[in-house]
Amino acid sequence: MPKRPLPRSESDALVHDATAGMPRLLEIMARLRAPDGCPWDREQDFTTIAPYTLEEAHEVADAIAREAWDELRLELGDLLFQSVYHAQLAEDAGLFAFEDVVLAISDKMVARHPHVFGDESNAKSAEQQTADWERVKAAERGPARTLDGVAMALPALTRAVKLQKRAARVGFDWPSTAEVVDKIVEEAQELSEARDRLTEAEVFEEFGDLMFVVANLARHLKIDPEAALRAANAKFTRRFGRIEDWLAESGRSPADSDLAEMDALWNRAKAEEKARGERQTPNSA
């Protein structure tokens, strides 16, 4: 059941106490959802808040990729608030409270790190510890199918990699990167050659197959495909911005140019970056 609200004077004191830490944040959330709180917050539920939770997680990843540490501090706060929000929704519905969330994750971390908090040896490689982690997770899931438990709401590329990792654990995997590359070439050729005779739905399916194999290549290369694509997006944005800058010097916009000129300017931007020693990495893009 929801906790009894604090008297207004105590609540006001806590909300305005900058030293109060998590109790202050929890009280702010409770006040937002209170009958006399924010009309927008009172109308929300798990479904309507979930997209904001995903958005905040992506903004955390973006701040890390850009090494924007002041922004990261703020973005982590936004992400923390999402956990607080969902916990308040759950408490309002009589499901669980924030303290139950903290207890659950604390117990999980202790149980999954017996080499730190238990009697197991800590003399393991990171790979061995990862394998142990997955073994414990599998035991916690109990009897289940191989691909059960991979969250549907994950970004598609990330979910593809996780599905492939699960399948690889039971031997369903190409033995080397070469076979993956061959499959990418095959899928791309099929899509290119058949696009004029396939239905829209079939082209959609074939393109999905191609993307799935590209995600598999990322896994074999030990690359995070989401991070790599974010870096590519940032590179494209940066270079296209230079094209706009150079065109603006002559009082023009991209709409006033043509592909040949913009392609030449793109190569100029690429050469400029190369001269500065820029590389397409998650932290420099």
C-alpha atoms as a PDB file:
ATOM      1  CA  MET A   1       0.000   0.000   0.000  1.00  0.00           C
ATOM      2  CA  PRO A   2       1.172   3.587  -0.577  1.00  0.00           C
ATOM      3  CA  LYS A   3       2.955   5.143   2.367  1.00  0.00           C
ATOM      4  CA  ARG A   4       1.148   7.749   4.417  1.00  0.00           C
ATOM      5  CA  PRO A   5       2.115  11.194   3.097  1.00  0.00           C
ATOM      6  CA  LEU A   6       4.226  13.466   5.241  1.00  0.00           C
ATOM      7  CA  PRO A   7       2.601  16.489   6.863  1.00  0.00           C
ATOM      8  CA  ARG A   8       2.901  19.405   4.441  1.00  0.00           C
ATOM      9  CA  SER A   9       5.360  21.302   6.628  1.00  0.00           C
ATOM     10  CA  GLU A  10       7.701  18.295   6.833  1.00  0.00           C
ATOM     11  CA  SER A  11       7.308  17.608   3.122  1.00  0.00           C
ATOM     12  CA  ASP A  12       8.104  21.224   2.209  1.00  0.00           C
ATOM     13  CA  ALA A  13      11.182  21.158   4.428  1.00  0.00           C
ATOM     14  CA  LEU A  14      12.424  17.944   2.819  1.00  0.00           C
ATOM     15  CA  VAL A  15      11.739  19.102  -0.753  1.00  0.00           C
ATOM     16  CA  HIS A  16      13.768  22.275  -0.190  1.00  0.00           C
ATOM     17  CA  ASP A  17      16.615  20.593   1.724  1.00  0.00           C
ATOM     18  CA  ALA A  18      19.518  20.432  -0.775  1.00  0.00           C
ATOM     19  CA  THR A  19      21.412  18.033   1.515  1.00  0.00           C
ATOM     20  CA  ALA A  20      18.664  15.426   1.833  1.00  0.00           C
ATOM     21  CA  GLY A  21      19.746  13.192  -1.080  1.00  0.00           C
ATOM     22  CA  MET A  22      17.479  10.327  -2.161  1.00  0.00           C
ATOM     23  CA  PRO A  23      14.719  10.998   0.431  1.00  0.00           C
ATOM     24  CA  ARG A  24      14.350  14.474  -1.083  1.00  0.00           C
ATOM     25  CA  LEU A  25      14.028  13.070  -4.625  1.00  0.00           C
ATOM     26  CA  LEU A  26      11.509  10.450  -3.506  1.00  0.00           C
ATOM     27  CA  GLU A  27       9.421  13.103  -1.771  1.00  0.00           C
ATOM     28  CA  ILE A  28       9.519  15.335  -4.857  1.00  0.00           C
ATOM     29  CA  MET A  29       8.199  12.428  -6.906  1.00  0.00           C
ATOM     30  CA  ALA A  30       5.491  11.635  -4.375  1.00  0.00           C
ATOM     31  CA  ARG A  31       4.393  15.278  -4.365  1.00  0.00           C
ATOM     32  CA  LEU A  32       4.230  15.374  -8.155  1.00  0.00           C
ATOM     33  CA  ARG A  33       1.868  12.383  -8.116  1.00  0.00           C
ATOM     34  CA  ALA A  34      -0.178  13.584  -5.135  1.00  0.00           C
ATOM     35  CA  PRO A  35      -3.826  14.673  -5.618  1.00  0.00           C
ATOM     36  CA  ASP A  36      -2.708  18.300  -5.416  1.00  0.00           C
ATOM     37  CA  GLY A  37       0.443  17.695  -7.452  1.00  0.00           C
ATOM     38  CA  CYS A  38       1.173  18.153 -11.146  1.00  0.00           C
ATOM     39  CA  PRO A  39      -1.825  17.371 -13.403  1.00  0.00           C
ATOM     40  CA  TRP A  40       0.461  15.928 -16.099  1.00  0.00           C
ATOM     41  CA  ASP A  41       2.319  13.640 -13.683  1.00  0.00           C
ATOM     42  CA  ARG A  42      -0.920  12.401 -12.147  1.00  0.00           C
ATOM     43  CA  GLU A  43      -2.135  11.254 -15.581  1.00  0.00           C
ATOM     44  CA  GLN A  44       0.917   9.138 -16.422  1.00  0.00           C
ATOM     45  CA  ASP A  45       1.272   5.375 -16.210  1.00  0.00           C
ATOM     46  CA  PHE A  46       3.989   2.802 -16.923  1.00  0.00           C
ATOM     47  CA  THR A  47       3.226   2.767 -20.636  1.00  0.00           C
ATOM     48  CA  THR A  48       3.347   6.520 -21.122  1.00  0.00           C
ATOM     49  CA  ILE A  49       6.555   6.946 -19.116  1.00  0.00           C
ATOM     50  CA  ALA A  50       8.467   4.035 -20.696  1.00  0.00           C
ATOM     51  CA  PRO A  51       9.405   5.978 -23.882  1.00  0.00           C
ATOM     52  CA  TYR A  52      10.946   8.716 -21.733  1.00  0.00           C
ATOM     53  CA  THR A  53      12.965   6.080 -19.882  1.00  0.00           C
ATOM     54  CA  LEU A  54      14.402   4.796 -23.155  1.00  0.00           C
ATOM     55  CA  GLU A  55      15.101   8.337 -24.335  1.00  0.00           C
ATOM     56  CA  GLU A  56      16.974   9.207 -21.140  1.00  0.00           C
ATOM     57  CA  ALA A  57      19.095   6.044 -21.419  1.00  0.00           C
ATOM     58  CA  HIS A  58      20.079   7.029 -24.958  1.00  0.00           C
ATOM     59  CA  GLU A  59      20.946  10.546 -23.805  1.00  0.00           C
ATOM     60  CA  VAL A  60      23.259   9.064 -21.167  1.00  0.00           C
ATOM     61  CA  ALA A  61      24.989   7.011 -23.871  1.00  0.00           C
ATOM     62  CA  ASP A  62      25.255  10.092 -26.086  1.00  0.00           C
ATOM     63  CA  ALA A  63      26.864  12.185 -23.342  1.00  0.00           C
ATOM     64  CA  ILE A  64      29.395   9.404 -22.693  1.00  0.00           C
ATOM     65  CA  ALA A  65      30.203   9.106 -26.398  1.00  0.00           C
ATOM     66  CA  ARG A  66      30.868  12.857 -26.558  1.00  0.00           C
ATOM     67  CA  GLU A  67      32.766  12.829 -23.234  1.00  0.00           C
ATOM     68  CA  ALA A  68      30.422  15.595 -22.099  1.00  0.00           C
ATOM     69  CA  TRP A  69      30.900  14.951 -18.412  1.00  0.00           C
ATOM     70  CA  ASP A  70      28.872  17.892 -17.092  1.00  0.00           C
ATOM     71  CA  GLU A  71      26.012  16.795 -19.306  1.00  0.00           C
ATOM     72  CA  LEU A  72      26.477  13.203 -18.124  1.00  0.00           C
ATOM     73  CA  ARG A  73      25.934  14.293 -14.519  1.00  0.00           C
ATOM     74  CA  LEU A  74      22.596  15.812 -15.505  1.00  0.00           C
ATOM     75  CA  GLU A  75      21.594  12.952 -17.798  1.00  0.00           C
ATOM     76  CA  LEU A  76      22.273  10.382 -15.085  1.00  0.00           C
ATOM     77  CA  GLY A  77      19.986  12.380 -12.825  1.00  0.00           C
ATOM     78  CA  ASP A  78      17.273  12.274 -15.480  1.00  0.00           C
ATOM     79  CA  LEU A  79      17.719   8.511 -15.810  1.00  0.00           C
ATOM     80  CA  LEU A  80      17.622   8.050 -12.027  1.00  0.00           C
ATOM     81  CA  PHE A  81      14.400  10.031 -11.935  1.00  0.00           C
ATOM     82  CA  GLN A  82      12.891   7.554 -14.384  1.00  0.00           C
ATOM     83  CA  SER A  83      13.519   4.719 -11.903  1.00  0.00           C
ATOM     84  CA  VAL A  84      12.004   6.818  -9.150  1.00  0.00           C
ATOM     85  CA  TYR A  85       9.000   7.578 -11.370  1.00  0.00           C
ATOM     86  CA  HIS A  86       8.285   3.932 -12.164  1.00  0.00           C
ATOM     87  CA  ALA A  87       8.707   3.005  -8.506  1.00  0.00           C
ATOM     88  CA  GLN A  88       6.186   5.692  -7.500  1.00  0.00           C
ATOM     89  CA  LEU A  89       3.726   4.405 -10.093  1.00  0.00           C
ATOM     90  CA  ALA A  90       4.167   0.930  -8.639  1.00  0.00           C
ATOM     91  CA  GLU A  91       3.696   2.172  -5.081  1.00  0.00           C
ATOM     92  CA  ASP A  92       0.547   4.049  -6.082  1.00  0.00           C
ATOM     93  CA  ALA A  93      -0.785   0.786  -7.537  1.00  0.00           C
ATOM     94  CA  GLY A  94       0.167  -1.210  -4.435  1.00  0.00           C
ATOM     95  CA  LEU A  95       2.736  -3.295  -6.315  1.00  0.00           C
ATOM     96  CA  PHE A  96       6.070  -2.410  -4.691  1.00  0.00           C
ATOM     97  CA  ALA A  97       8.046   0.600  -3.487  1.00  0.00           C
ATOM     98  CA  PHE A  98      11.412   2.152  -4.314  1.00  0.00           C
ATOM     99  CA  GLU A  99      12.956   0.381  -1.318  1.00  0.00           C
ATOM    100  CA  ASP A 100      11.959  -2.947  -2.873  1.00  0.00           C
ATOM    101  CA  VAL A 101      13.743  -1.956  -6.082  1.00  0.00           C
ATOM    102  CA  VAL A 102      16.906  -1.136  -4.128  1.00  0.00           C
ATOM    103  CA  LEU A 103      16.677  -4.407  -2.198  1.00  0.00           C
ATOM    104  CA  ALA A 104      16.210  -6.446  -5.372  1.00  0.00           C
ATOM    105  CA  ILE A 105      19.193  -4.979  -7.218  1.00  0.00           C
ATOM    106  CA  SER A 106      21.409  -5.166  -4.136  1.00  0.00           C
ATOM    107  CA  ASP A 107      20.570  -8.824  -3.578  1.00  0.00           C
ATOM    108  CA  LYS A 108      21.128  -9.540  -7.278  1.00  0.00           C
ATOM    109  CA  MET A 109      24.570  -7.914  -7.334  1.00  0.00           C
ATOM    110  CA  VAL A 110      25.689  -9.814  -4.243  1.00  0.00           C
ATOM    111  CA  ALA A 111      24.393 -13.129  -5.631  1.00  0.00           C
ATOM    112  CA  ARG A 112      26.010 -12.606  -9.035  1.00  0.00           C
ATOM    113  CA  HIS A 113      29.413 -11.644  -7.631  1.00  0.00           C
ATOM    114  CA  PRO A 114      30.377 -14.536  -5.341  1.00  0.00           C
ATOM    115  CA  HIS A 115      34.024 -13.835  -6.278  1.00  0.00           C
ATOM    116  CA  VAL A 116      33.675 -10.432  -4.573  1.00  0.00           C
ATOM    117  CA  PHE A 117      31.087 -10.937  -1.823  1.00  0.00           C
ATOM    118  CA  GLY A 118      31.376 -14.694  -1.276  1.00  0.00           C
ATOM    119  CA  ASP A 119      33.900 -17.503  -1.030  1.00  0.00           C
ATOM    120  CA  GLU A 120      34.746 -17.945  -4.720  1.00  0.00           C
ATOM    121  CA  SER A 121      38.199 -17.043  -6.002  1.00  0.00           C
ATOM    122  CA  ASN A 122      38.594 -13.611  -7.589  1.00  0.00           C
ATOM    123  CA  ALA A 123      41.422 -14.907  -9.798  1.00  0.00           C
ATOM    124  CA  LYS A 124      39.347 -14.962 -12.946  1.00  0.00           C
ATOM    125  CA  SER A 125      39.545 -13.168 -16.254  1.00  0.00           C
ATOM    126  CA  ALA A 126      36.836 -10.738 -17.302  1.00  0.00           C
ATOM    127  CA  GLU A 127      35.711 -13.335 -19.862  1.00  0.00           C
ATOM    128  CA  GLN A 128      35.376 -16.031 -17.187  1.00  0.00           C
ATOM    129  CA  GLN A 129      33.422 -13.668 -14.967  1.00  0.00           C
ATOM    130  CA  THR A 130      31.110 -12.808 -17.864  1.00  0.00           C
ATOM    131  CA  ALA A 131      30.494 -16.505 -18.487  1.00  0.00           C
ATOM    132  CA  ASP A 132      29.758 -17.011 -14.775  1.00  0.00           C
ATOM    133  CA  TRP A 133      27.354 -14.053 -14.848  1.00  0.00           C
ATOM    134  CA  GLU A 134      25.438 -15.561 -17.751  1.00  0.00           C
ATOM    135  CA  ARG A 135      25.379 -18.948 -16.025  1.00  0.00           C
ATOM    136  CA  VAL A 136      23.855 -17.430 -12.892  1.00  0.00           C
ATOM    137  CA  LYS A 137      21.322 -15.509 -14.991  1.00  0.00           C
ATOM    138  CA  ALA A 138      20.320 -18.733 -16.740  1.00  0.00           C
ATOM    139  CA  ALA A 139      19.879 -20.466 -13.381  1.00  0.00           C
ATOM    140  CA  GLU A 140      17.697 -17.596 -12.154  1.00  0.00           C
ATOM    141  CA  ARG A 141      15.500 -17.841 -15.244  1.00  0.00           C
ATOM    142  CA  GLY A 142      14.993 -21.539 -14.603  1.00  0.00           C
ATOM    143  CA  PRO A 143      13.777 -23.822 -17.378  1.00  0.00           C
ATOM    144  CA  ALA A 144      13.324 -21.549 -20.354  1.00  0.00           C
ATOM    145  CA  ARG A 145      13.885 -21.424 -24.063  1.00  0.00           C
ATOM    146  CA  THR A 146      17.241 -20.172 -25.314  1.00  0.00           C
ATOM    147  CA  LEU A 147      16.018 -16.772 -26.474  1.00  0.00           C
ATOM    148  CA  ASP A 148      13.608 -16.064 -23.618  1.00  0.00           C
ATOM    149  CA  GLY A 149      14.151 -12.886 -21.640  1.00  0.00           C
ATOM    150  CA  VAL A 150      15.776 -10.703 -24.316  1.00  0.00           C
ATOM    151  CA  ALA A 151      13.794  -7.499 -23.882  1.00  0.00           C
ATOM    152  CA  MET A 152      11.580  -6.532 -26.798  1.00  0.00           C
ATOM    153  CA  ALA A 153      12.062  -2.814 -26.068  1.00  0.00           C
ATOM    154  CA  LEU A 154      15.820  -2.867 -26.692  1.00  0.00           C
ATOM    155  CA  PRO A 155      17.104  -0.966 -29.736  1.00  0.00           C
ATOM    156  CA  ALA A 156      16.796  -3.365 -32.663  1.00  0.00           C
ATOM    157  CA  LEU A 157      20.534  -3.685 -33.347  1.00  0.00           C
ATOM    158  CA  THR A 158      21.295  -4.294 -29.673  1.00  0.00           C
ATOM    159  CA  ARG A 159      18.546  -6.893 -29.414  1.00  0.00           C
ATOM    160  CA  ALA A 160      19.809  -8.635 -32.555  1.00  0.00           C
ATOM    161  CA  VAL A 161      23.270  -8.974 -31.015  1.00  0.00           C
ATOM    162  CA  LYS A 162      21.835 -10.301 -27.744  1.00  0.00           C
ATOM    163  CA  LEU A 163      19.693 -12.859 -29.565  1.00  0.00           C
ATOM    164  CA  GLN A 164      22.711 -13.981 -31.570  1.00  0.00           C
ATOM    165  CA  LYS A 165      24.852 -14.292 -28.438  1.00  0.00           C
ATOM    166  CA  ARG A 166      22.225 -16.501 -26.837  1.00  0.00           C
ATOM    167  CA  ALA A 167      22.064 -18.715 -29.931  1.00  0.00           C
ATOM    168  CA  ALA A 168      25.871 -18.862 -30.141  1.00  0.00           C
ATOM    169  CA  ARG A 169      26.056 -20.258 -26.607  1.00  0.00           C
ATOM    170  CA  VAL A 170      24.292 -23.401 -27.786  1.00  0.00           C
ATOM    171  CA  GLY A 171      26.412 -23.696 -30.926  1.00  0.00           C
ATOM    172  CA  PHE A 172      24.205 -21.886 -33.448  1.00  0.00           C
ATOM    173  CA  ASP A 173      26.802 -19.538 -34.922  1.00  0.00           C
ATOM    174  CA  TRP A 174      29.121 -19.094 -37.878  1.00  0.00           C
ATOM    175  CA  PRO A 175      32.635 -20.300 -37.003  1.00  0.00           C
ATOM    176  CA  SER A 176      34.408 -17.160 -38.281  1.00  0.00           C
ATOM    177  CA  THR A 177      33.917 -13.608 -39.515  1.00  0.00           C
ATOM    178  CA  ALA A 178      34.508 -14.706 -43.119  1.00  0.00           C
ATOM    179  CA  GLU A 179      31.229 -16.638 -43.247  1.00  0.00           C
ATOM    180  CA  VAL A 180      29.361 -13.628 -41.862  1.00  0.00           C
ATOM    181  CA  VAL A 181      30.838 -11.337 -44.513  1.00  0.00           C
ATOM    182  CA  ASP A 182      29.897 -13.862 -47.221  1.00  0.00           C
ATOM    183  CA  LYS A 183      26.339 -13.876 -45.917  1.00  0.00           C
ATOM    184  CA  ILE A 184      26.197 -10.062 -45.965  1.00  0.00           C
ATOM    185  CA  VAL A 185      27.293 -10.057 -49.613  1.00  0.00           C
ATOM    186  CA  GLU A 186      24.695 -12.717 -50.410  1.00  0.00           C
ATOM    187  CA  GLU A 187      21.868 -10.855 -48.673  1.00  0.00           C
ATOM    188  CA  ALA A 188      22.834  -7.527 -50.269  1.00  0.00           C
ATOM    189  CA  GLN A 189      22.939  -9.072 -53.723  1.00  0.00           C
ATOM    190  CA  GLU A 190      19.577 -10.736 -53.222  1.00  0.00           C
ATOM    191  CA  LEU A 191      18.031  -7.449 -52.150  1.00  0.00           C
ATOM    192  CA  SER A 192      19.603  -5.495 -55.000  1.00  0.00           C
ATOM    193  CA  GLU A 193      18.717  -8.007 -57.707  1.00  0.00           C
ATOM    194  CA  ALA A 194      15.201  -8.775 -56.548  1.00  0.00           C
ATOM    195  CA  ARG A 195      13.952  -5.382 -55.356  1.00  0.00           C
ATOM    196  CA  ASP A 196      12.093  -4.674 -58.612  1.00  0.00           C
ATOM    197  CA  ARG A 197      10.139  -7.915 -58.567  1.00  0.00           C
ATOM    198  CA  LEU A 198       9.509  -8.248 -54.843  1.00  0.00           C
ATOM    199  CA  THR A 199       6.511  -6.826 -53.036  1.00  0.00           C
ATOM    200  CA  GLU A 200       7.020  -3.988 -50.573  1.00  0.00           C
ATOM    201  CA  ALA A 201       6.594  -6.439 -47.701  1.00  0.00           C
ATOM    202  CA  GLU A 202       9.209  -8.788 -49.183  1.00  0.00           C
ATOM    203  CA  VAL A 203      11.720  -5.957 -49.670  1.00  0.00           C
ATOM    204  CA  PHE A 204      11.082  -4.951 -46.056  1.00  0.00           C
ATOM    205  CA  GLU A 205      11.789  -8.517 -44.908  1.00  0.00           C
ATOM    206  CA  GLU A 206      14.930  -8.881 -47.016  1.00  0.00           C
ATOM    207  CA  PHE A 207      16.308  -5.597 -45.714  1.00  0.00           C
ATOM    208  CA  GLY A 208      15.668  -6.770 -42.159  1.00  0.00           C
ATOM    209  CA  ASP A 209      17.605  -9.965 -42.899  1.00  0.00           C
ATOM    210  CA  LEU A 210      20.527  -7.884 -44.176  1.00  0.00           C
ATOM    211  CA  MET A 211      20.559  -5.694 -41.069  1.00  0.00           C
ATOM    212  CA  PHE A 212      20.416  -8.783 -38.839  1.00  0.00           C
ATOM    213  CA  VAL A 213      23.521 -10.225 -40.488  1.00  0.00           C
ATOM    214  CA  VAL A 214      25.310  -6.854 -40.230  1.00  0.00           C
ATOM    215  CA  ALA A 215      24.586  -6.939 -36.481  1.00  0.00           C
ATOM    216  CA  ASN A 216      26.107 -10.424 -36.426  1.00  0.00           C
ATOM    217  CA  LEU A 217      29.263  -9.077 -38.076  1.00  0.00           C
ATOM    218  CA  ALA A 218      29.484  -6.446 -35.342  1.00  0.00           C
ATOM    219  CA  ARG A 219      29.256  -9.196 -32.736  1.00  0.00           C
ATOM    220  CA  HIS A 220      32.037 -11.204 -34.386  1.00  0.00           C
ATOM    221  CA  LEU A 221      34.197  -8.078 -34.553  1.00  0.00           C
ATOM    222  CA  LYS A 222      33.372  -7.292 -30.897  1.00  0.00           C
ATOM    223  CA  ILE A 223      31.888  -3.930 -31.919  1.00  0.00           C
ATOM    224  CA  ASP A 224      28.814  -2.346 -30.348  1.00  0.00           C
ATOM    225  CA  PRO A 225      26.711  -1.670 -33.470  1.00  0.00           C
ATOM    226  CA  GLU A 226      24.679   1.045 -31.742  1.00  0.00           C
ATOM    227  CA  ALA A 227      27.846   2.913 -30.765  1.00  0.00           C
ATOM    228  CA  ALA A 228      29.324   2.471 -34.233  1.00  0.00           C
ATOM    229  CA  LEU A 229      26.169   3.794 -35.872  1.00  0.00           C
ATOM    230  CA  ARG A 230      26.008   6.731 -33.450  1.00  0.00           C
ATOM    231  CA  ALA A 231      29.585   7.558 -34.429  1.00  0.00           C
ATOM    232  CA  ALA A 232      28.690   7.334 -38.117  1.00  0.00           C
ATOM    233  CA  ASN A 233      25.682   9.589 -37.547  1.00  0.00           C
ATOM    234  CA  ALA A 234      27.883  12.111 -35.752  1.00  0.00           C
ATOM    235  CA  LYS A 235      30.452  12.008 -38.558  1.00  0.00           C
ATOM    236  CA  PHE A 236      27.769  12.576 -41.184  1.00  0.00           C
ATOM    237  CA  THR A 237      26.299  15.465 -39.195  1.00  0.00           C
ATOM    238  CA  ARG A 238      29.718  17.033 -38.703  1.00  0.00           C
ATOM    239  CA  ARG A 239      30.775  16.774 -42.357  1.00  0.00           C
ATOM    240  CA  PHE A 240      27.437  17.907 -43.745  1.00  0.00           C
ATOM    241  CA  GLY A 241      27.649  20.883 -41.419  1.00  0.00           C
ATOM    242  CA  ARG A 242      30.957  21.817 -43.032  1.00  0.00           C
ATOM    243  CA  ILE A 243      29.303  21.594 -46.469  1.00  0.00           C
ATOM    244  CA  GLU A 244      26.650  24.040 -45.286  1.00  0.00           C
ATOM    245  CA  ASP A 245      29.295  26.352 -43.829  1.00  0.00           C
ATOM    246  CA  TRP A 246      31.253  26.505 -47.077  1.00  0.00           C
ATOM    247  CA  LEU A 247      28.146  27.045 -49.169  1.00  0.00           C
ATOM    248  CA  ALA A 248      27.009  29.795 -46.804  1.00  0.00           C
ATOM    249  CA  GLU A 249      30.273  31.667 -47.468  1.00  0.00           C
ATOM    250  CA  SER A 250      28.956  32.274 -50.992  1.00  0.00           C
ATOM    251  CA  GLY A 251      25.448  33.062 -49.787  1.00  0.00           C
ATOM    252  CA  ARG A 252      24.032  29.680 -50.765  1.00  0.00           C
ATOM    253  CA  SER A 253      22.418  26.672 -49.115  1.00  0.00           C
ATOM    254  CA  PRO A 254      22.511  22.971 -50.072  1.00  0.00           C
ATOM    255  CA  ALA A 255      19.296  23.508 -52.042  1.00  0.00           C
ATOM    256  CA  ASP A 256      21.224  25.934 -54.263  1.00  0.00           C
ATOM    257  CA  SER A 257      23.994  23.399 -54.925  1.00  0.00           C
ATOM    258  CA  ASP A 258      24.123  20.056 -56.705  1.00  0.00           C
ATOM    259  CA  LEU A 259      25.367  16.582 -55.879  1.00  0.00           C
ATOM    260  CA  ALA A 260      28.716  16.963 -57.657  1.00  0.00           C
ATOM    261  CA  GLU A 261      29.603  20.126 -55.743  1.00  0.00           C
ATOM    262  CA  MET A 262      28.423  18.787 -52.407  1.00  0.00           C
ATOM    263  CA  ASP A 263      30.305  15.525 -52.968  1.00  0.00           C
ATOM    264  CA  ALA A 264      33.474  17.520 -53.622  1.00  0.00           C
ATOM    265  CA  LEU A 265      32.878  19.520 -50.442  1.00  0.00           C
ATOM    266  CA  TRP A 266      32.275  16.272 -48.547  1.00  0.00           C
ATOM    267  CA  ASN A 267      35.683  15.020 -49.660  1.00  0.00           C
ATOM    268  CA  ARG A 268      37.157  18.354 -48.591  1.00  0.00           C
ATOM    269  CA  ALA A 269      35.601  17.935 -45.136  1.00  0.00           C
ATOM    270  CA  LYS A 270      36.922  14.376 -44.989  1.00  0.00           C
ATOM    271  CA  ALA A 271      40.438  15.551 -45.900  1.00  0.00           C
ATOM    272  CA  GLU A 272      40.178  18.316 -43.319  1.00  0.00           C
ATOM    273  CA  GLU A 273      39.343  15.821 -40.593  1.00  0.00           C
ATOM    274  CA  LYS A 274      42.110  13.494 -41.709  1.00  0.00           C
ATOM    275  CA  ALA A 275      44.609  16.363 -41.533  1.00  0.00           C
ATOM    276  CA  ARG A 276      43.491  17.018 -37.944  1.00  0.00           C
ATOM    277  CA  GLY A 277      43.914  13.340 -37.136  1.00  0.00           C
ATOM    278  CA  GLU A 278      40.246  12.766 -36.342  1.00  0.00           C
ATOM    279  CA  ARG A 279      39.019   9.200 -36.254  1.00  0.00           C
ATOM    280  CA  GLN A 280      35.565   7.684 -36.157  1.00  0.00           C
ATOM    281  CA  THR A 281      35.433   6.295 -32.654  1.00  0.00           C
ATOM    282  CA  PRO A 282      32.662   6.423 -30.047  1.00  0.00           C
ATOM    283  CA  ASN A 283      34.554   9.106 -28.116  1.00  0.00           C
ATOM    284  CA  SER A 284      35.747  11.293 -30.993  1.00  0.00           C
ATOM    285  CA  ALA A 285      32.762  11.275 -33.348  1.00  0.00           C
END
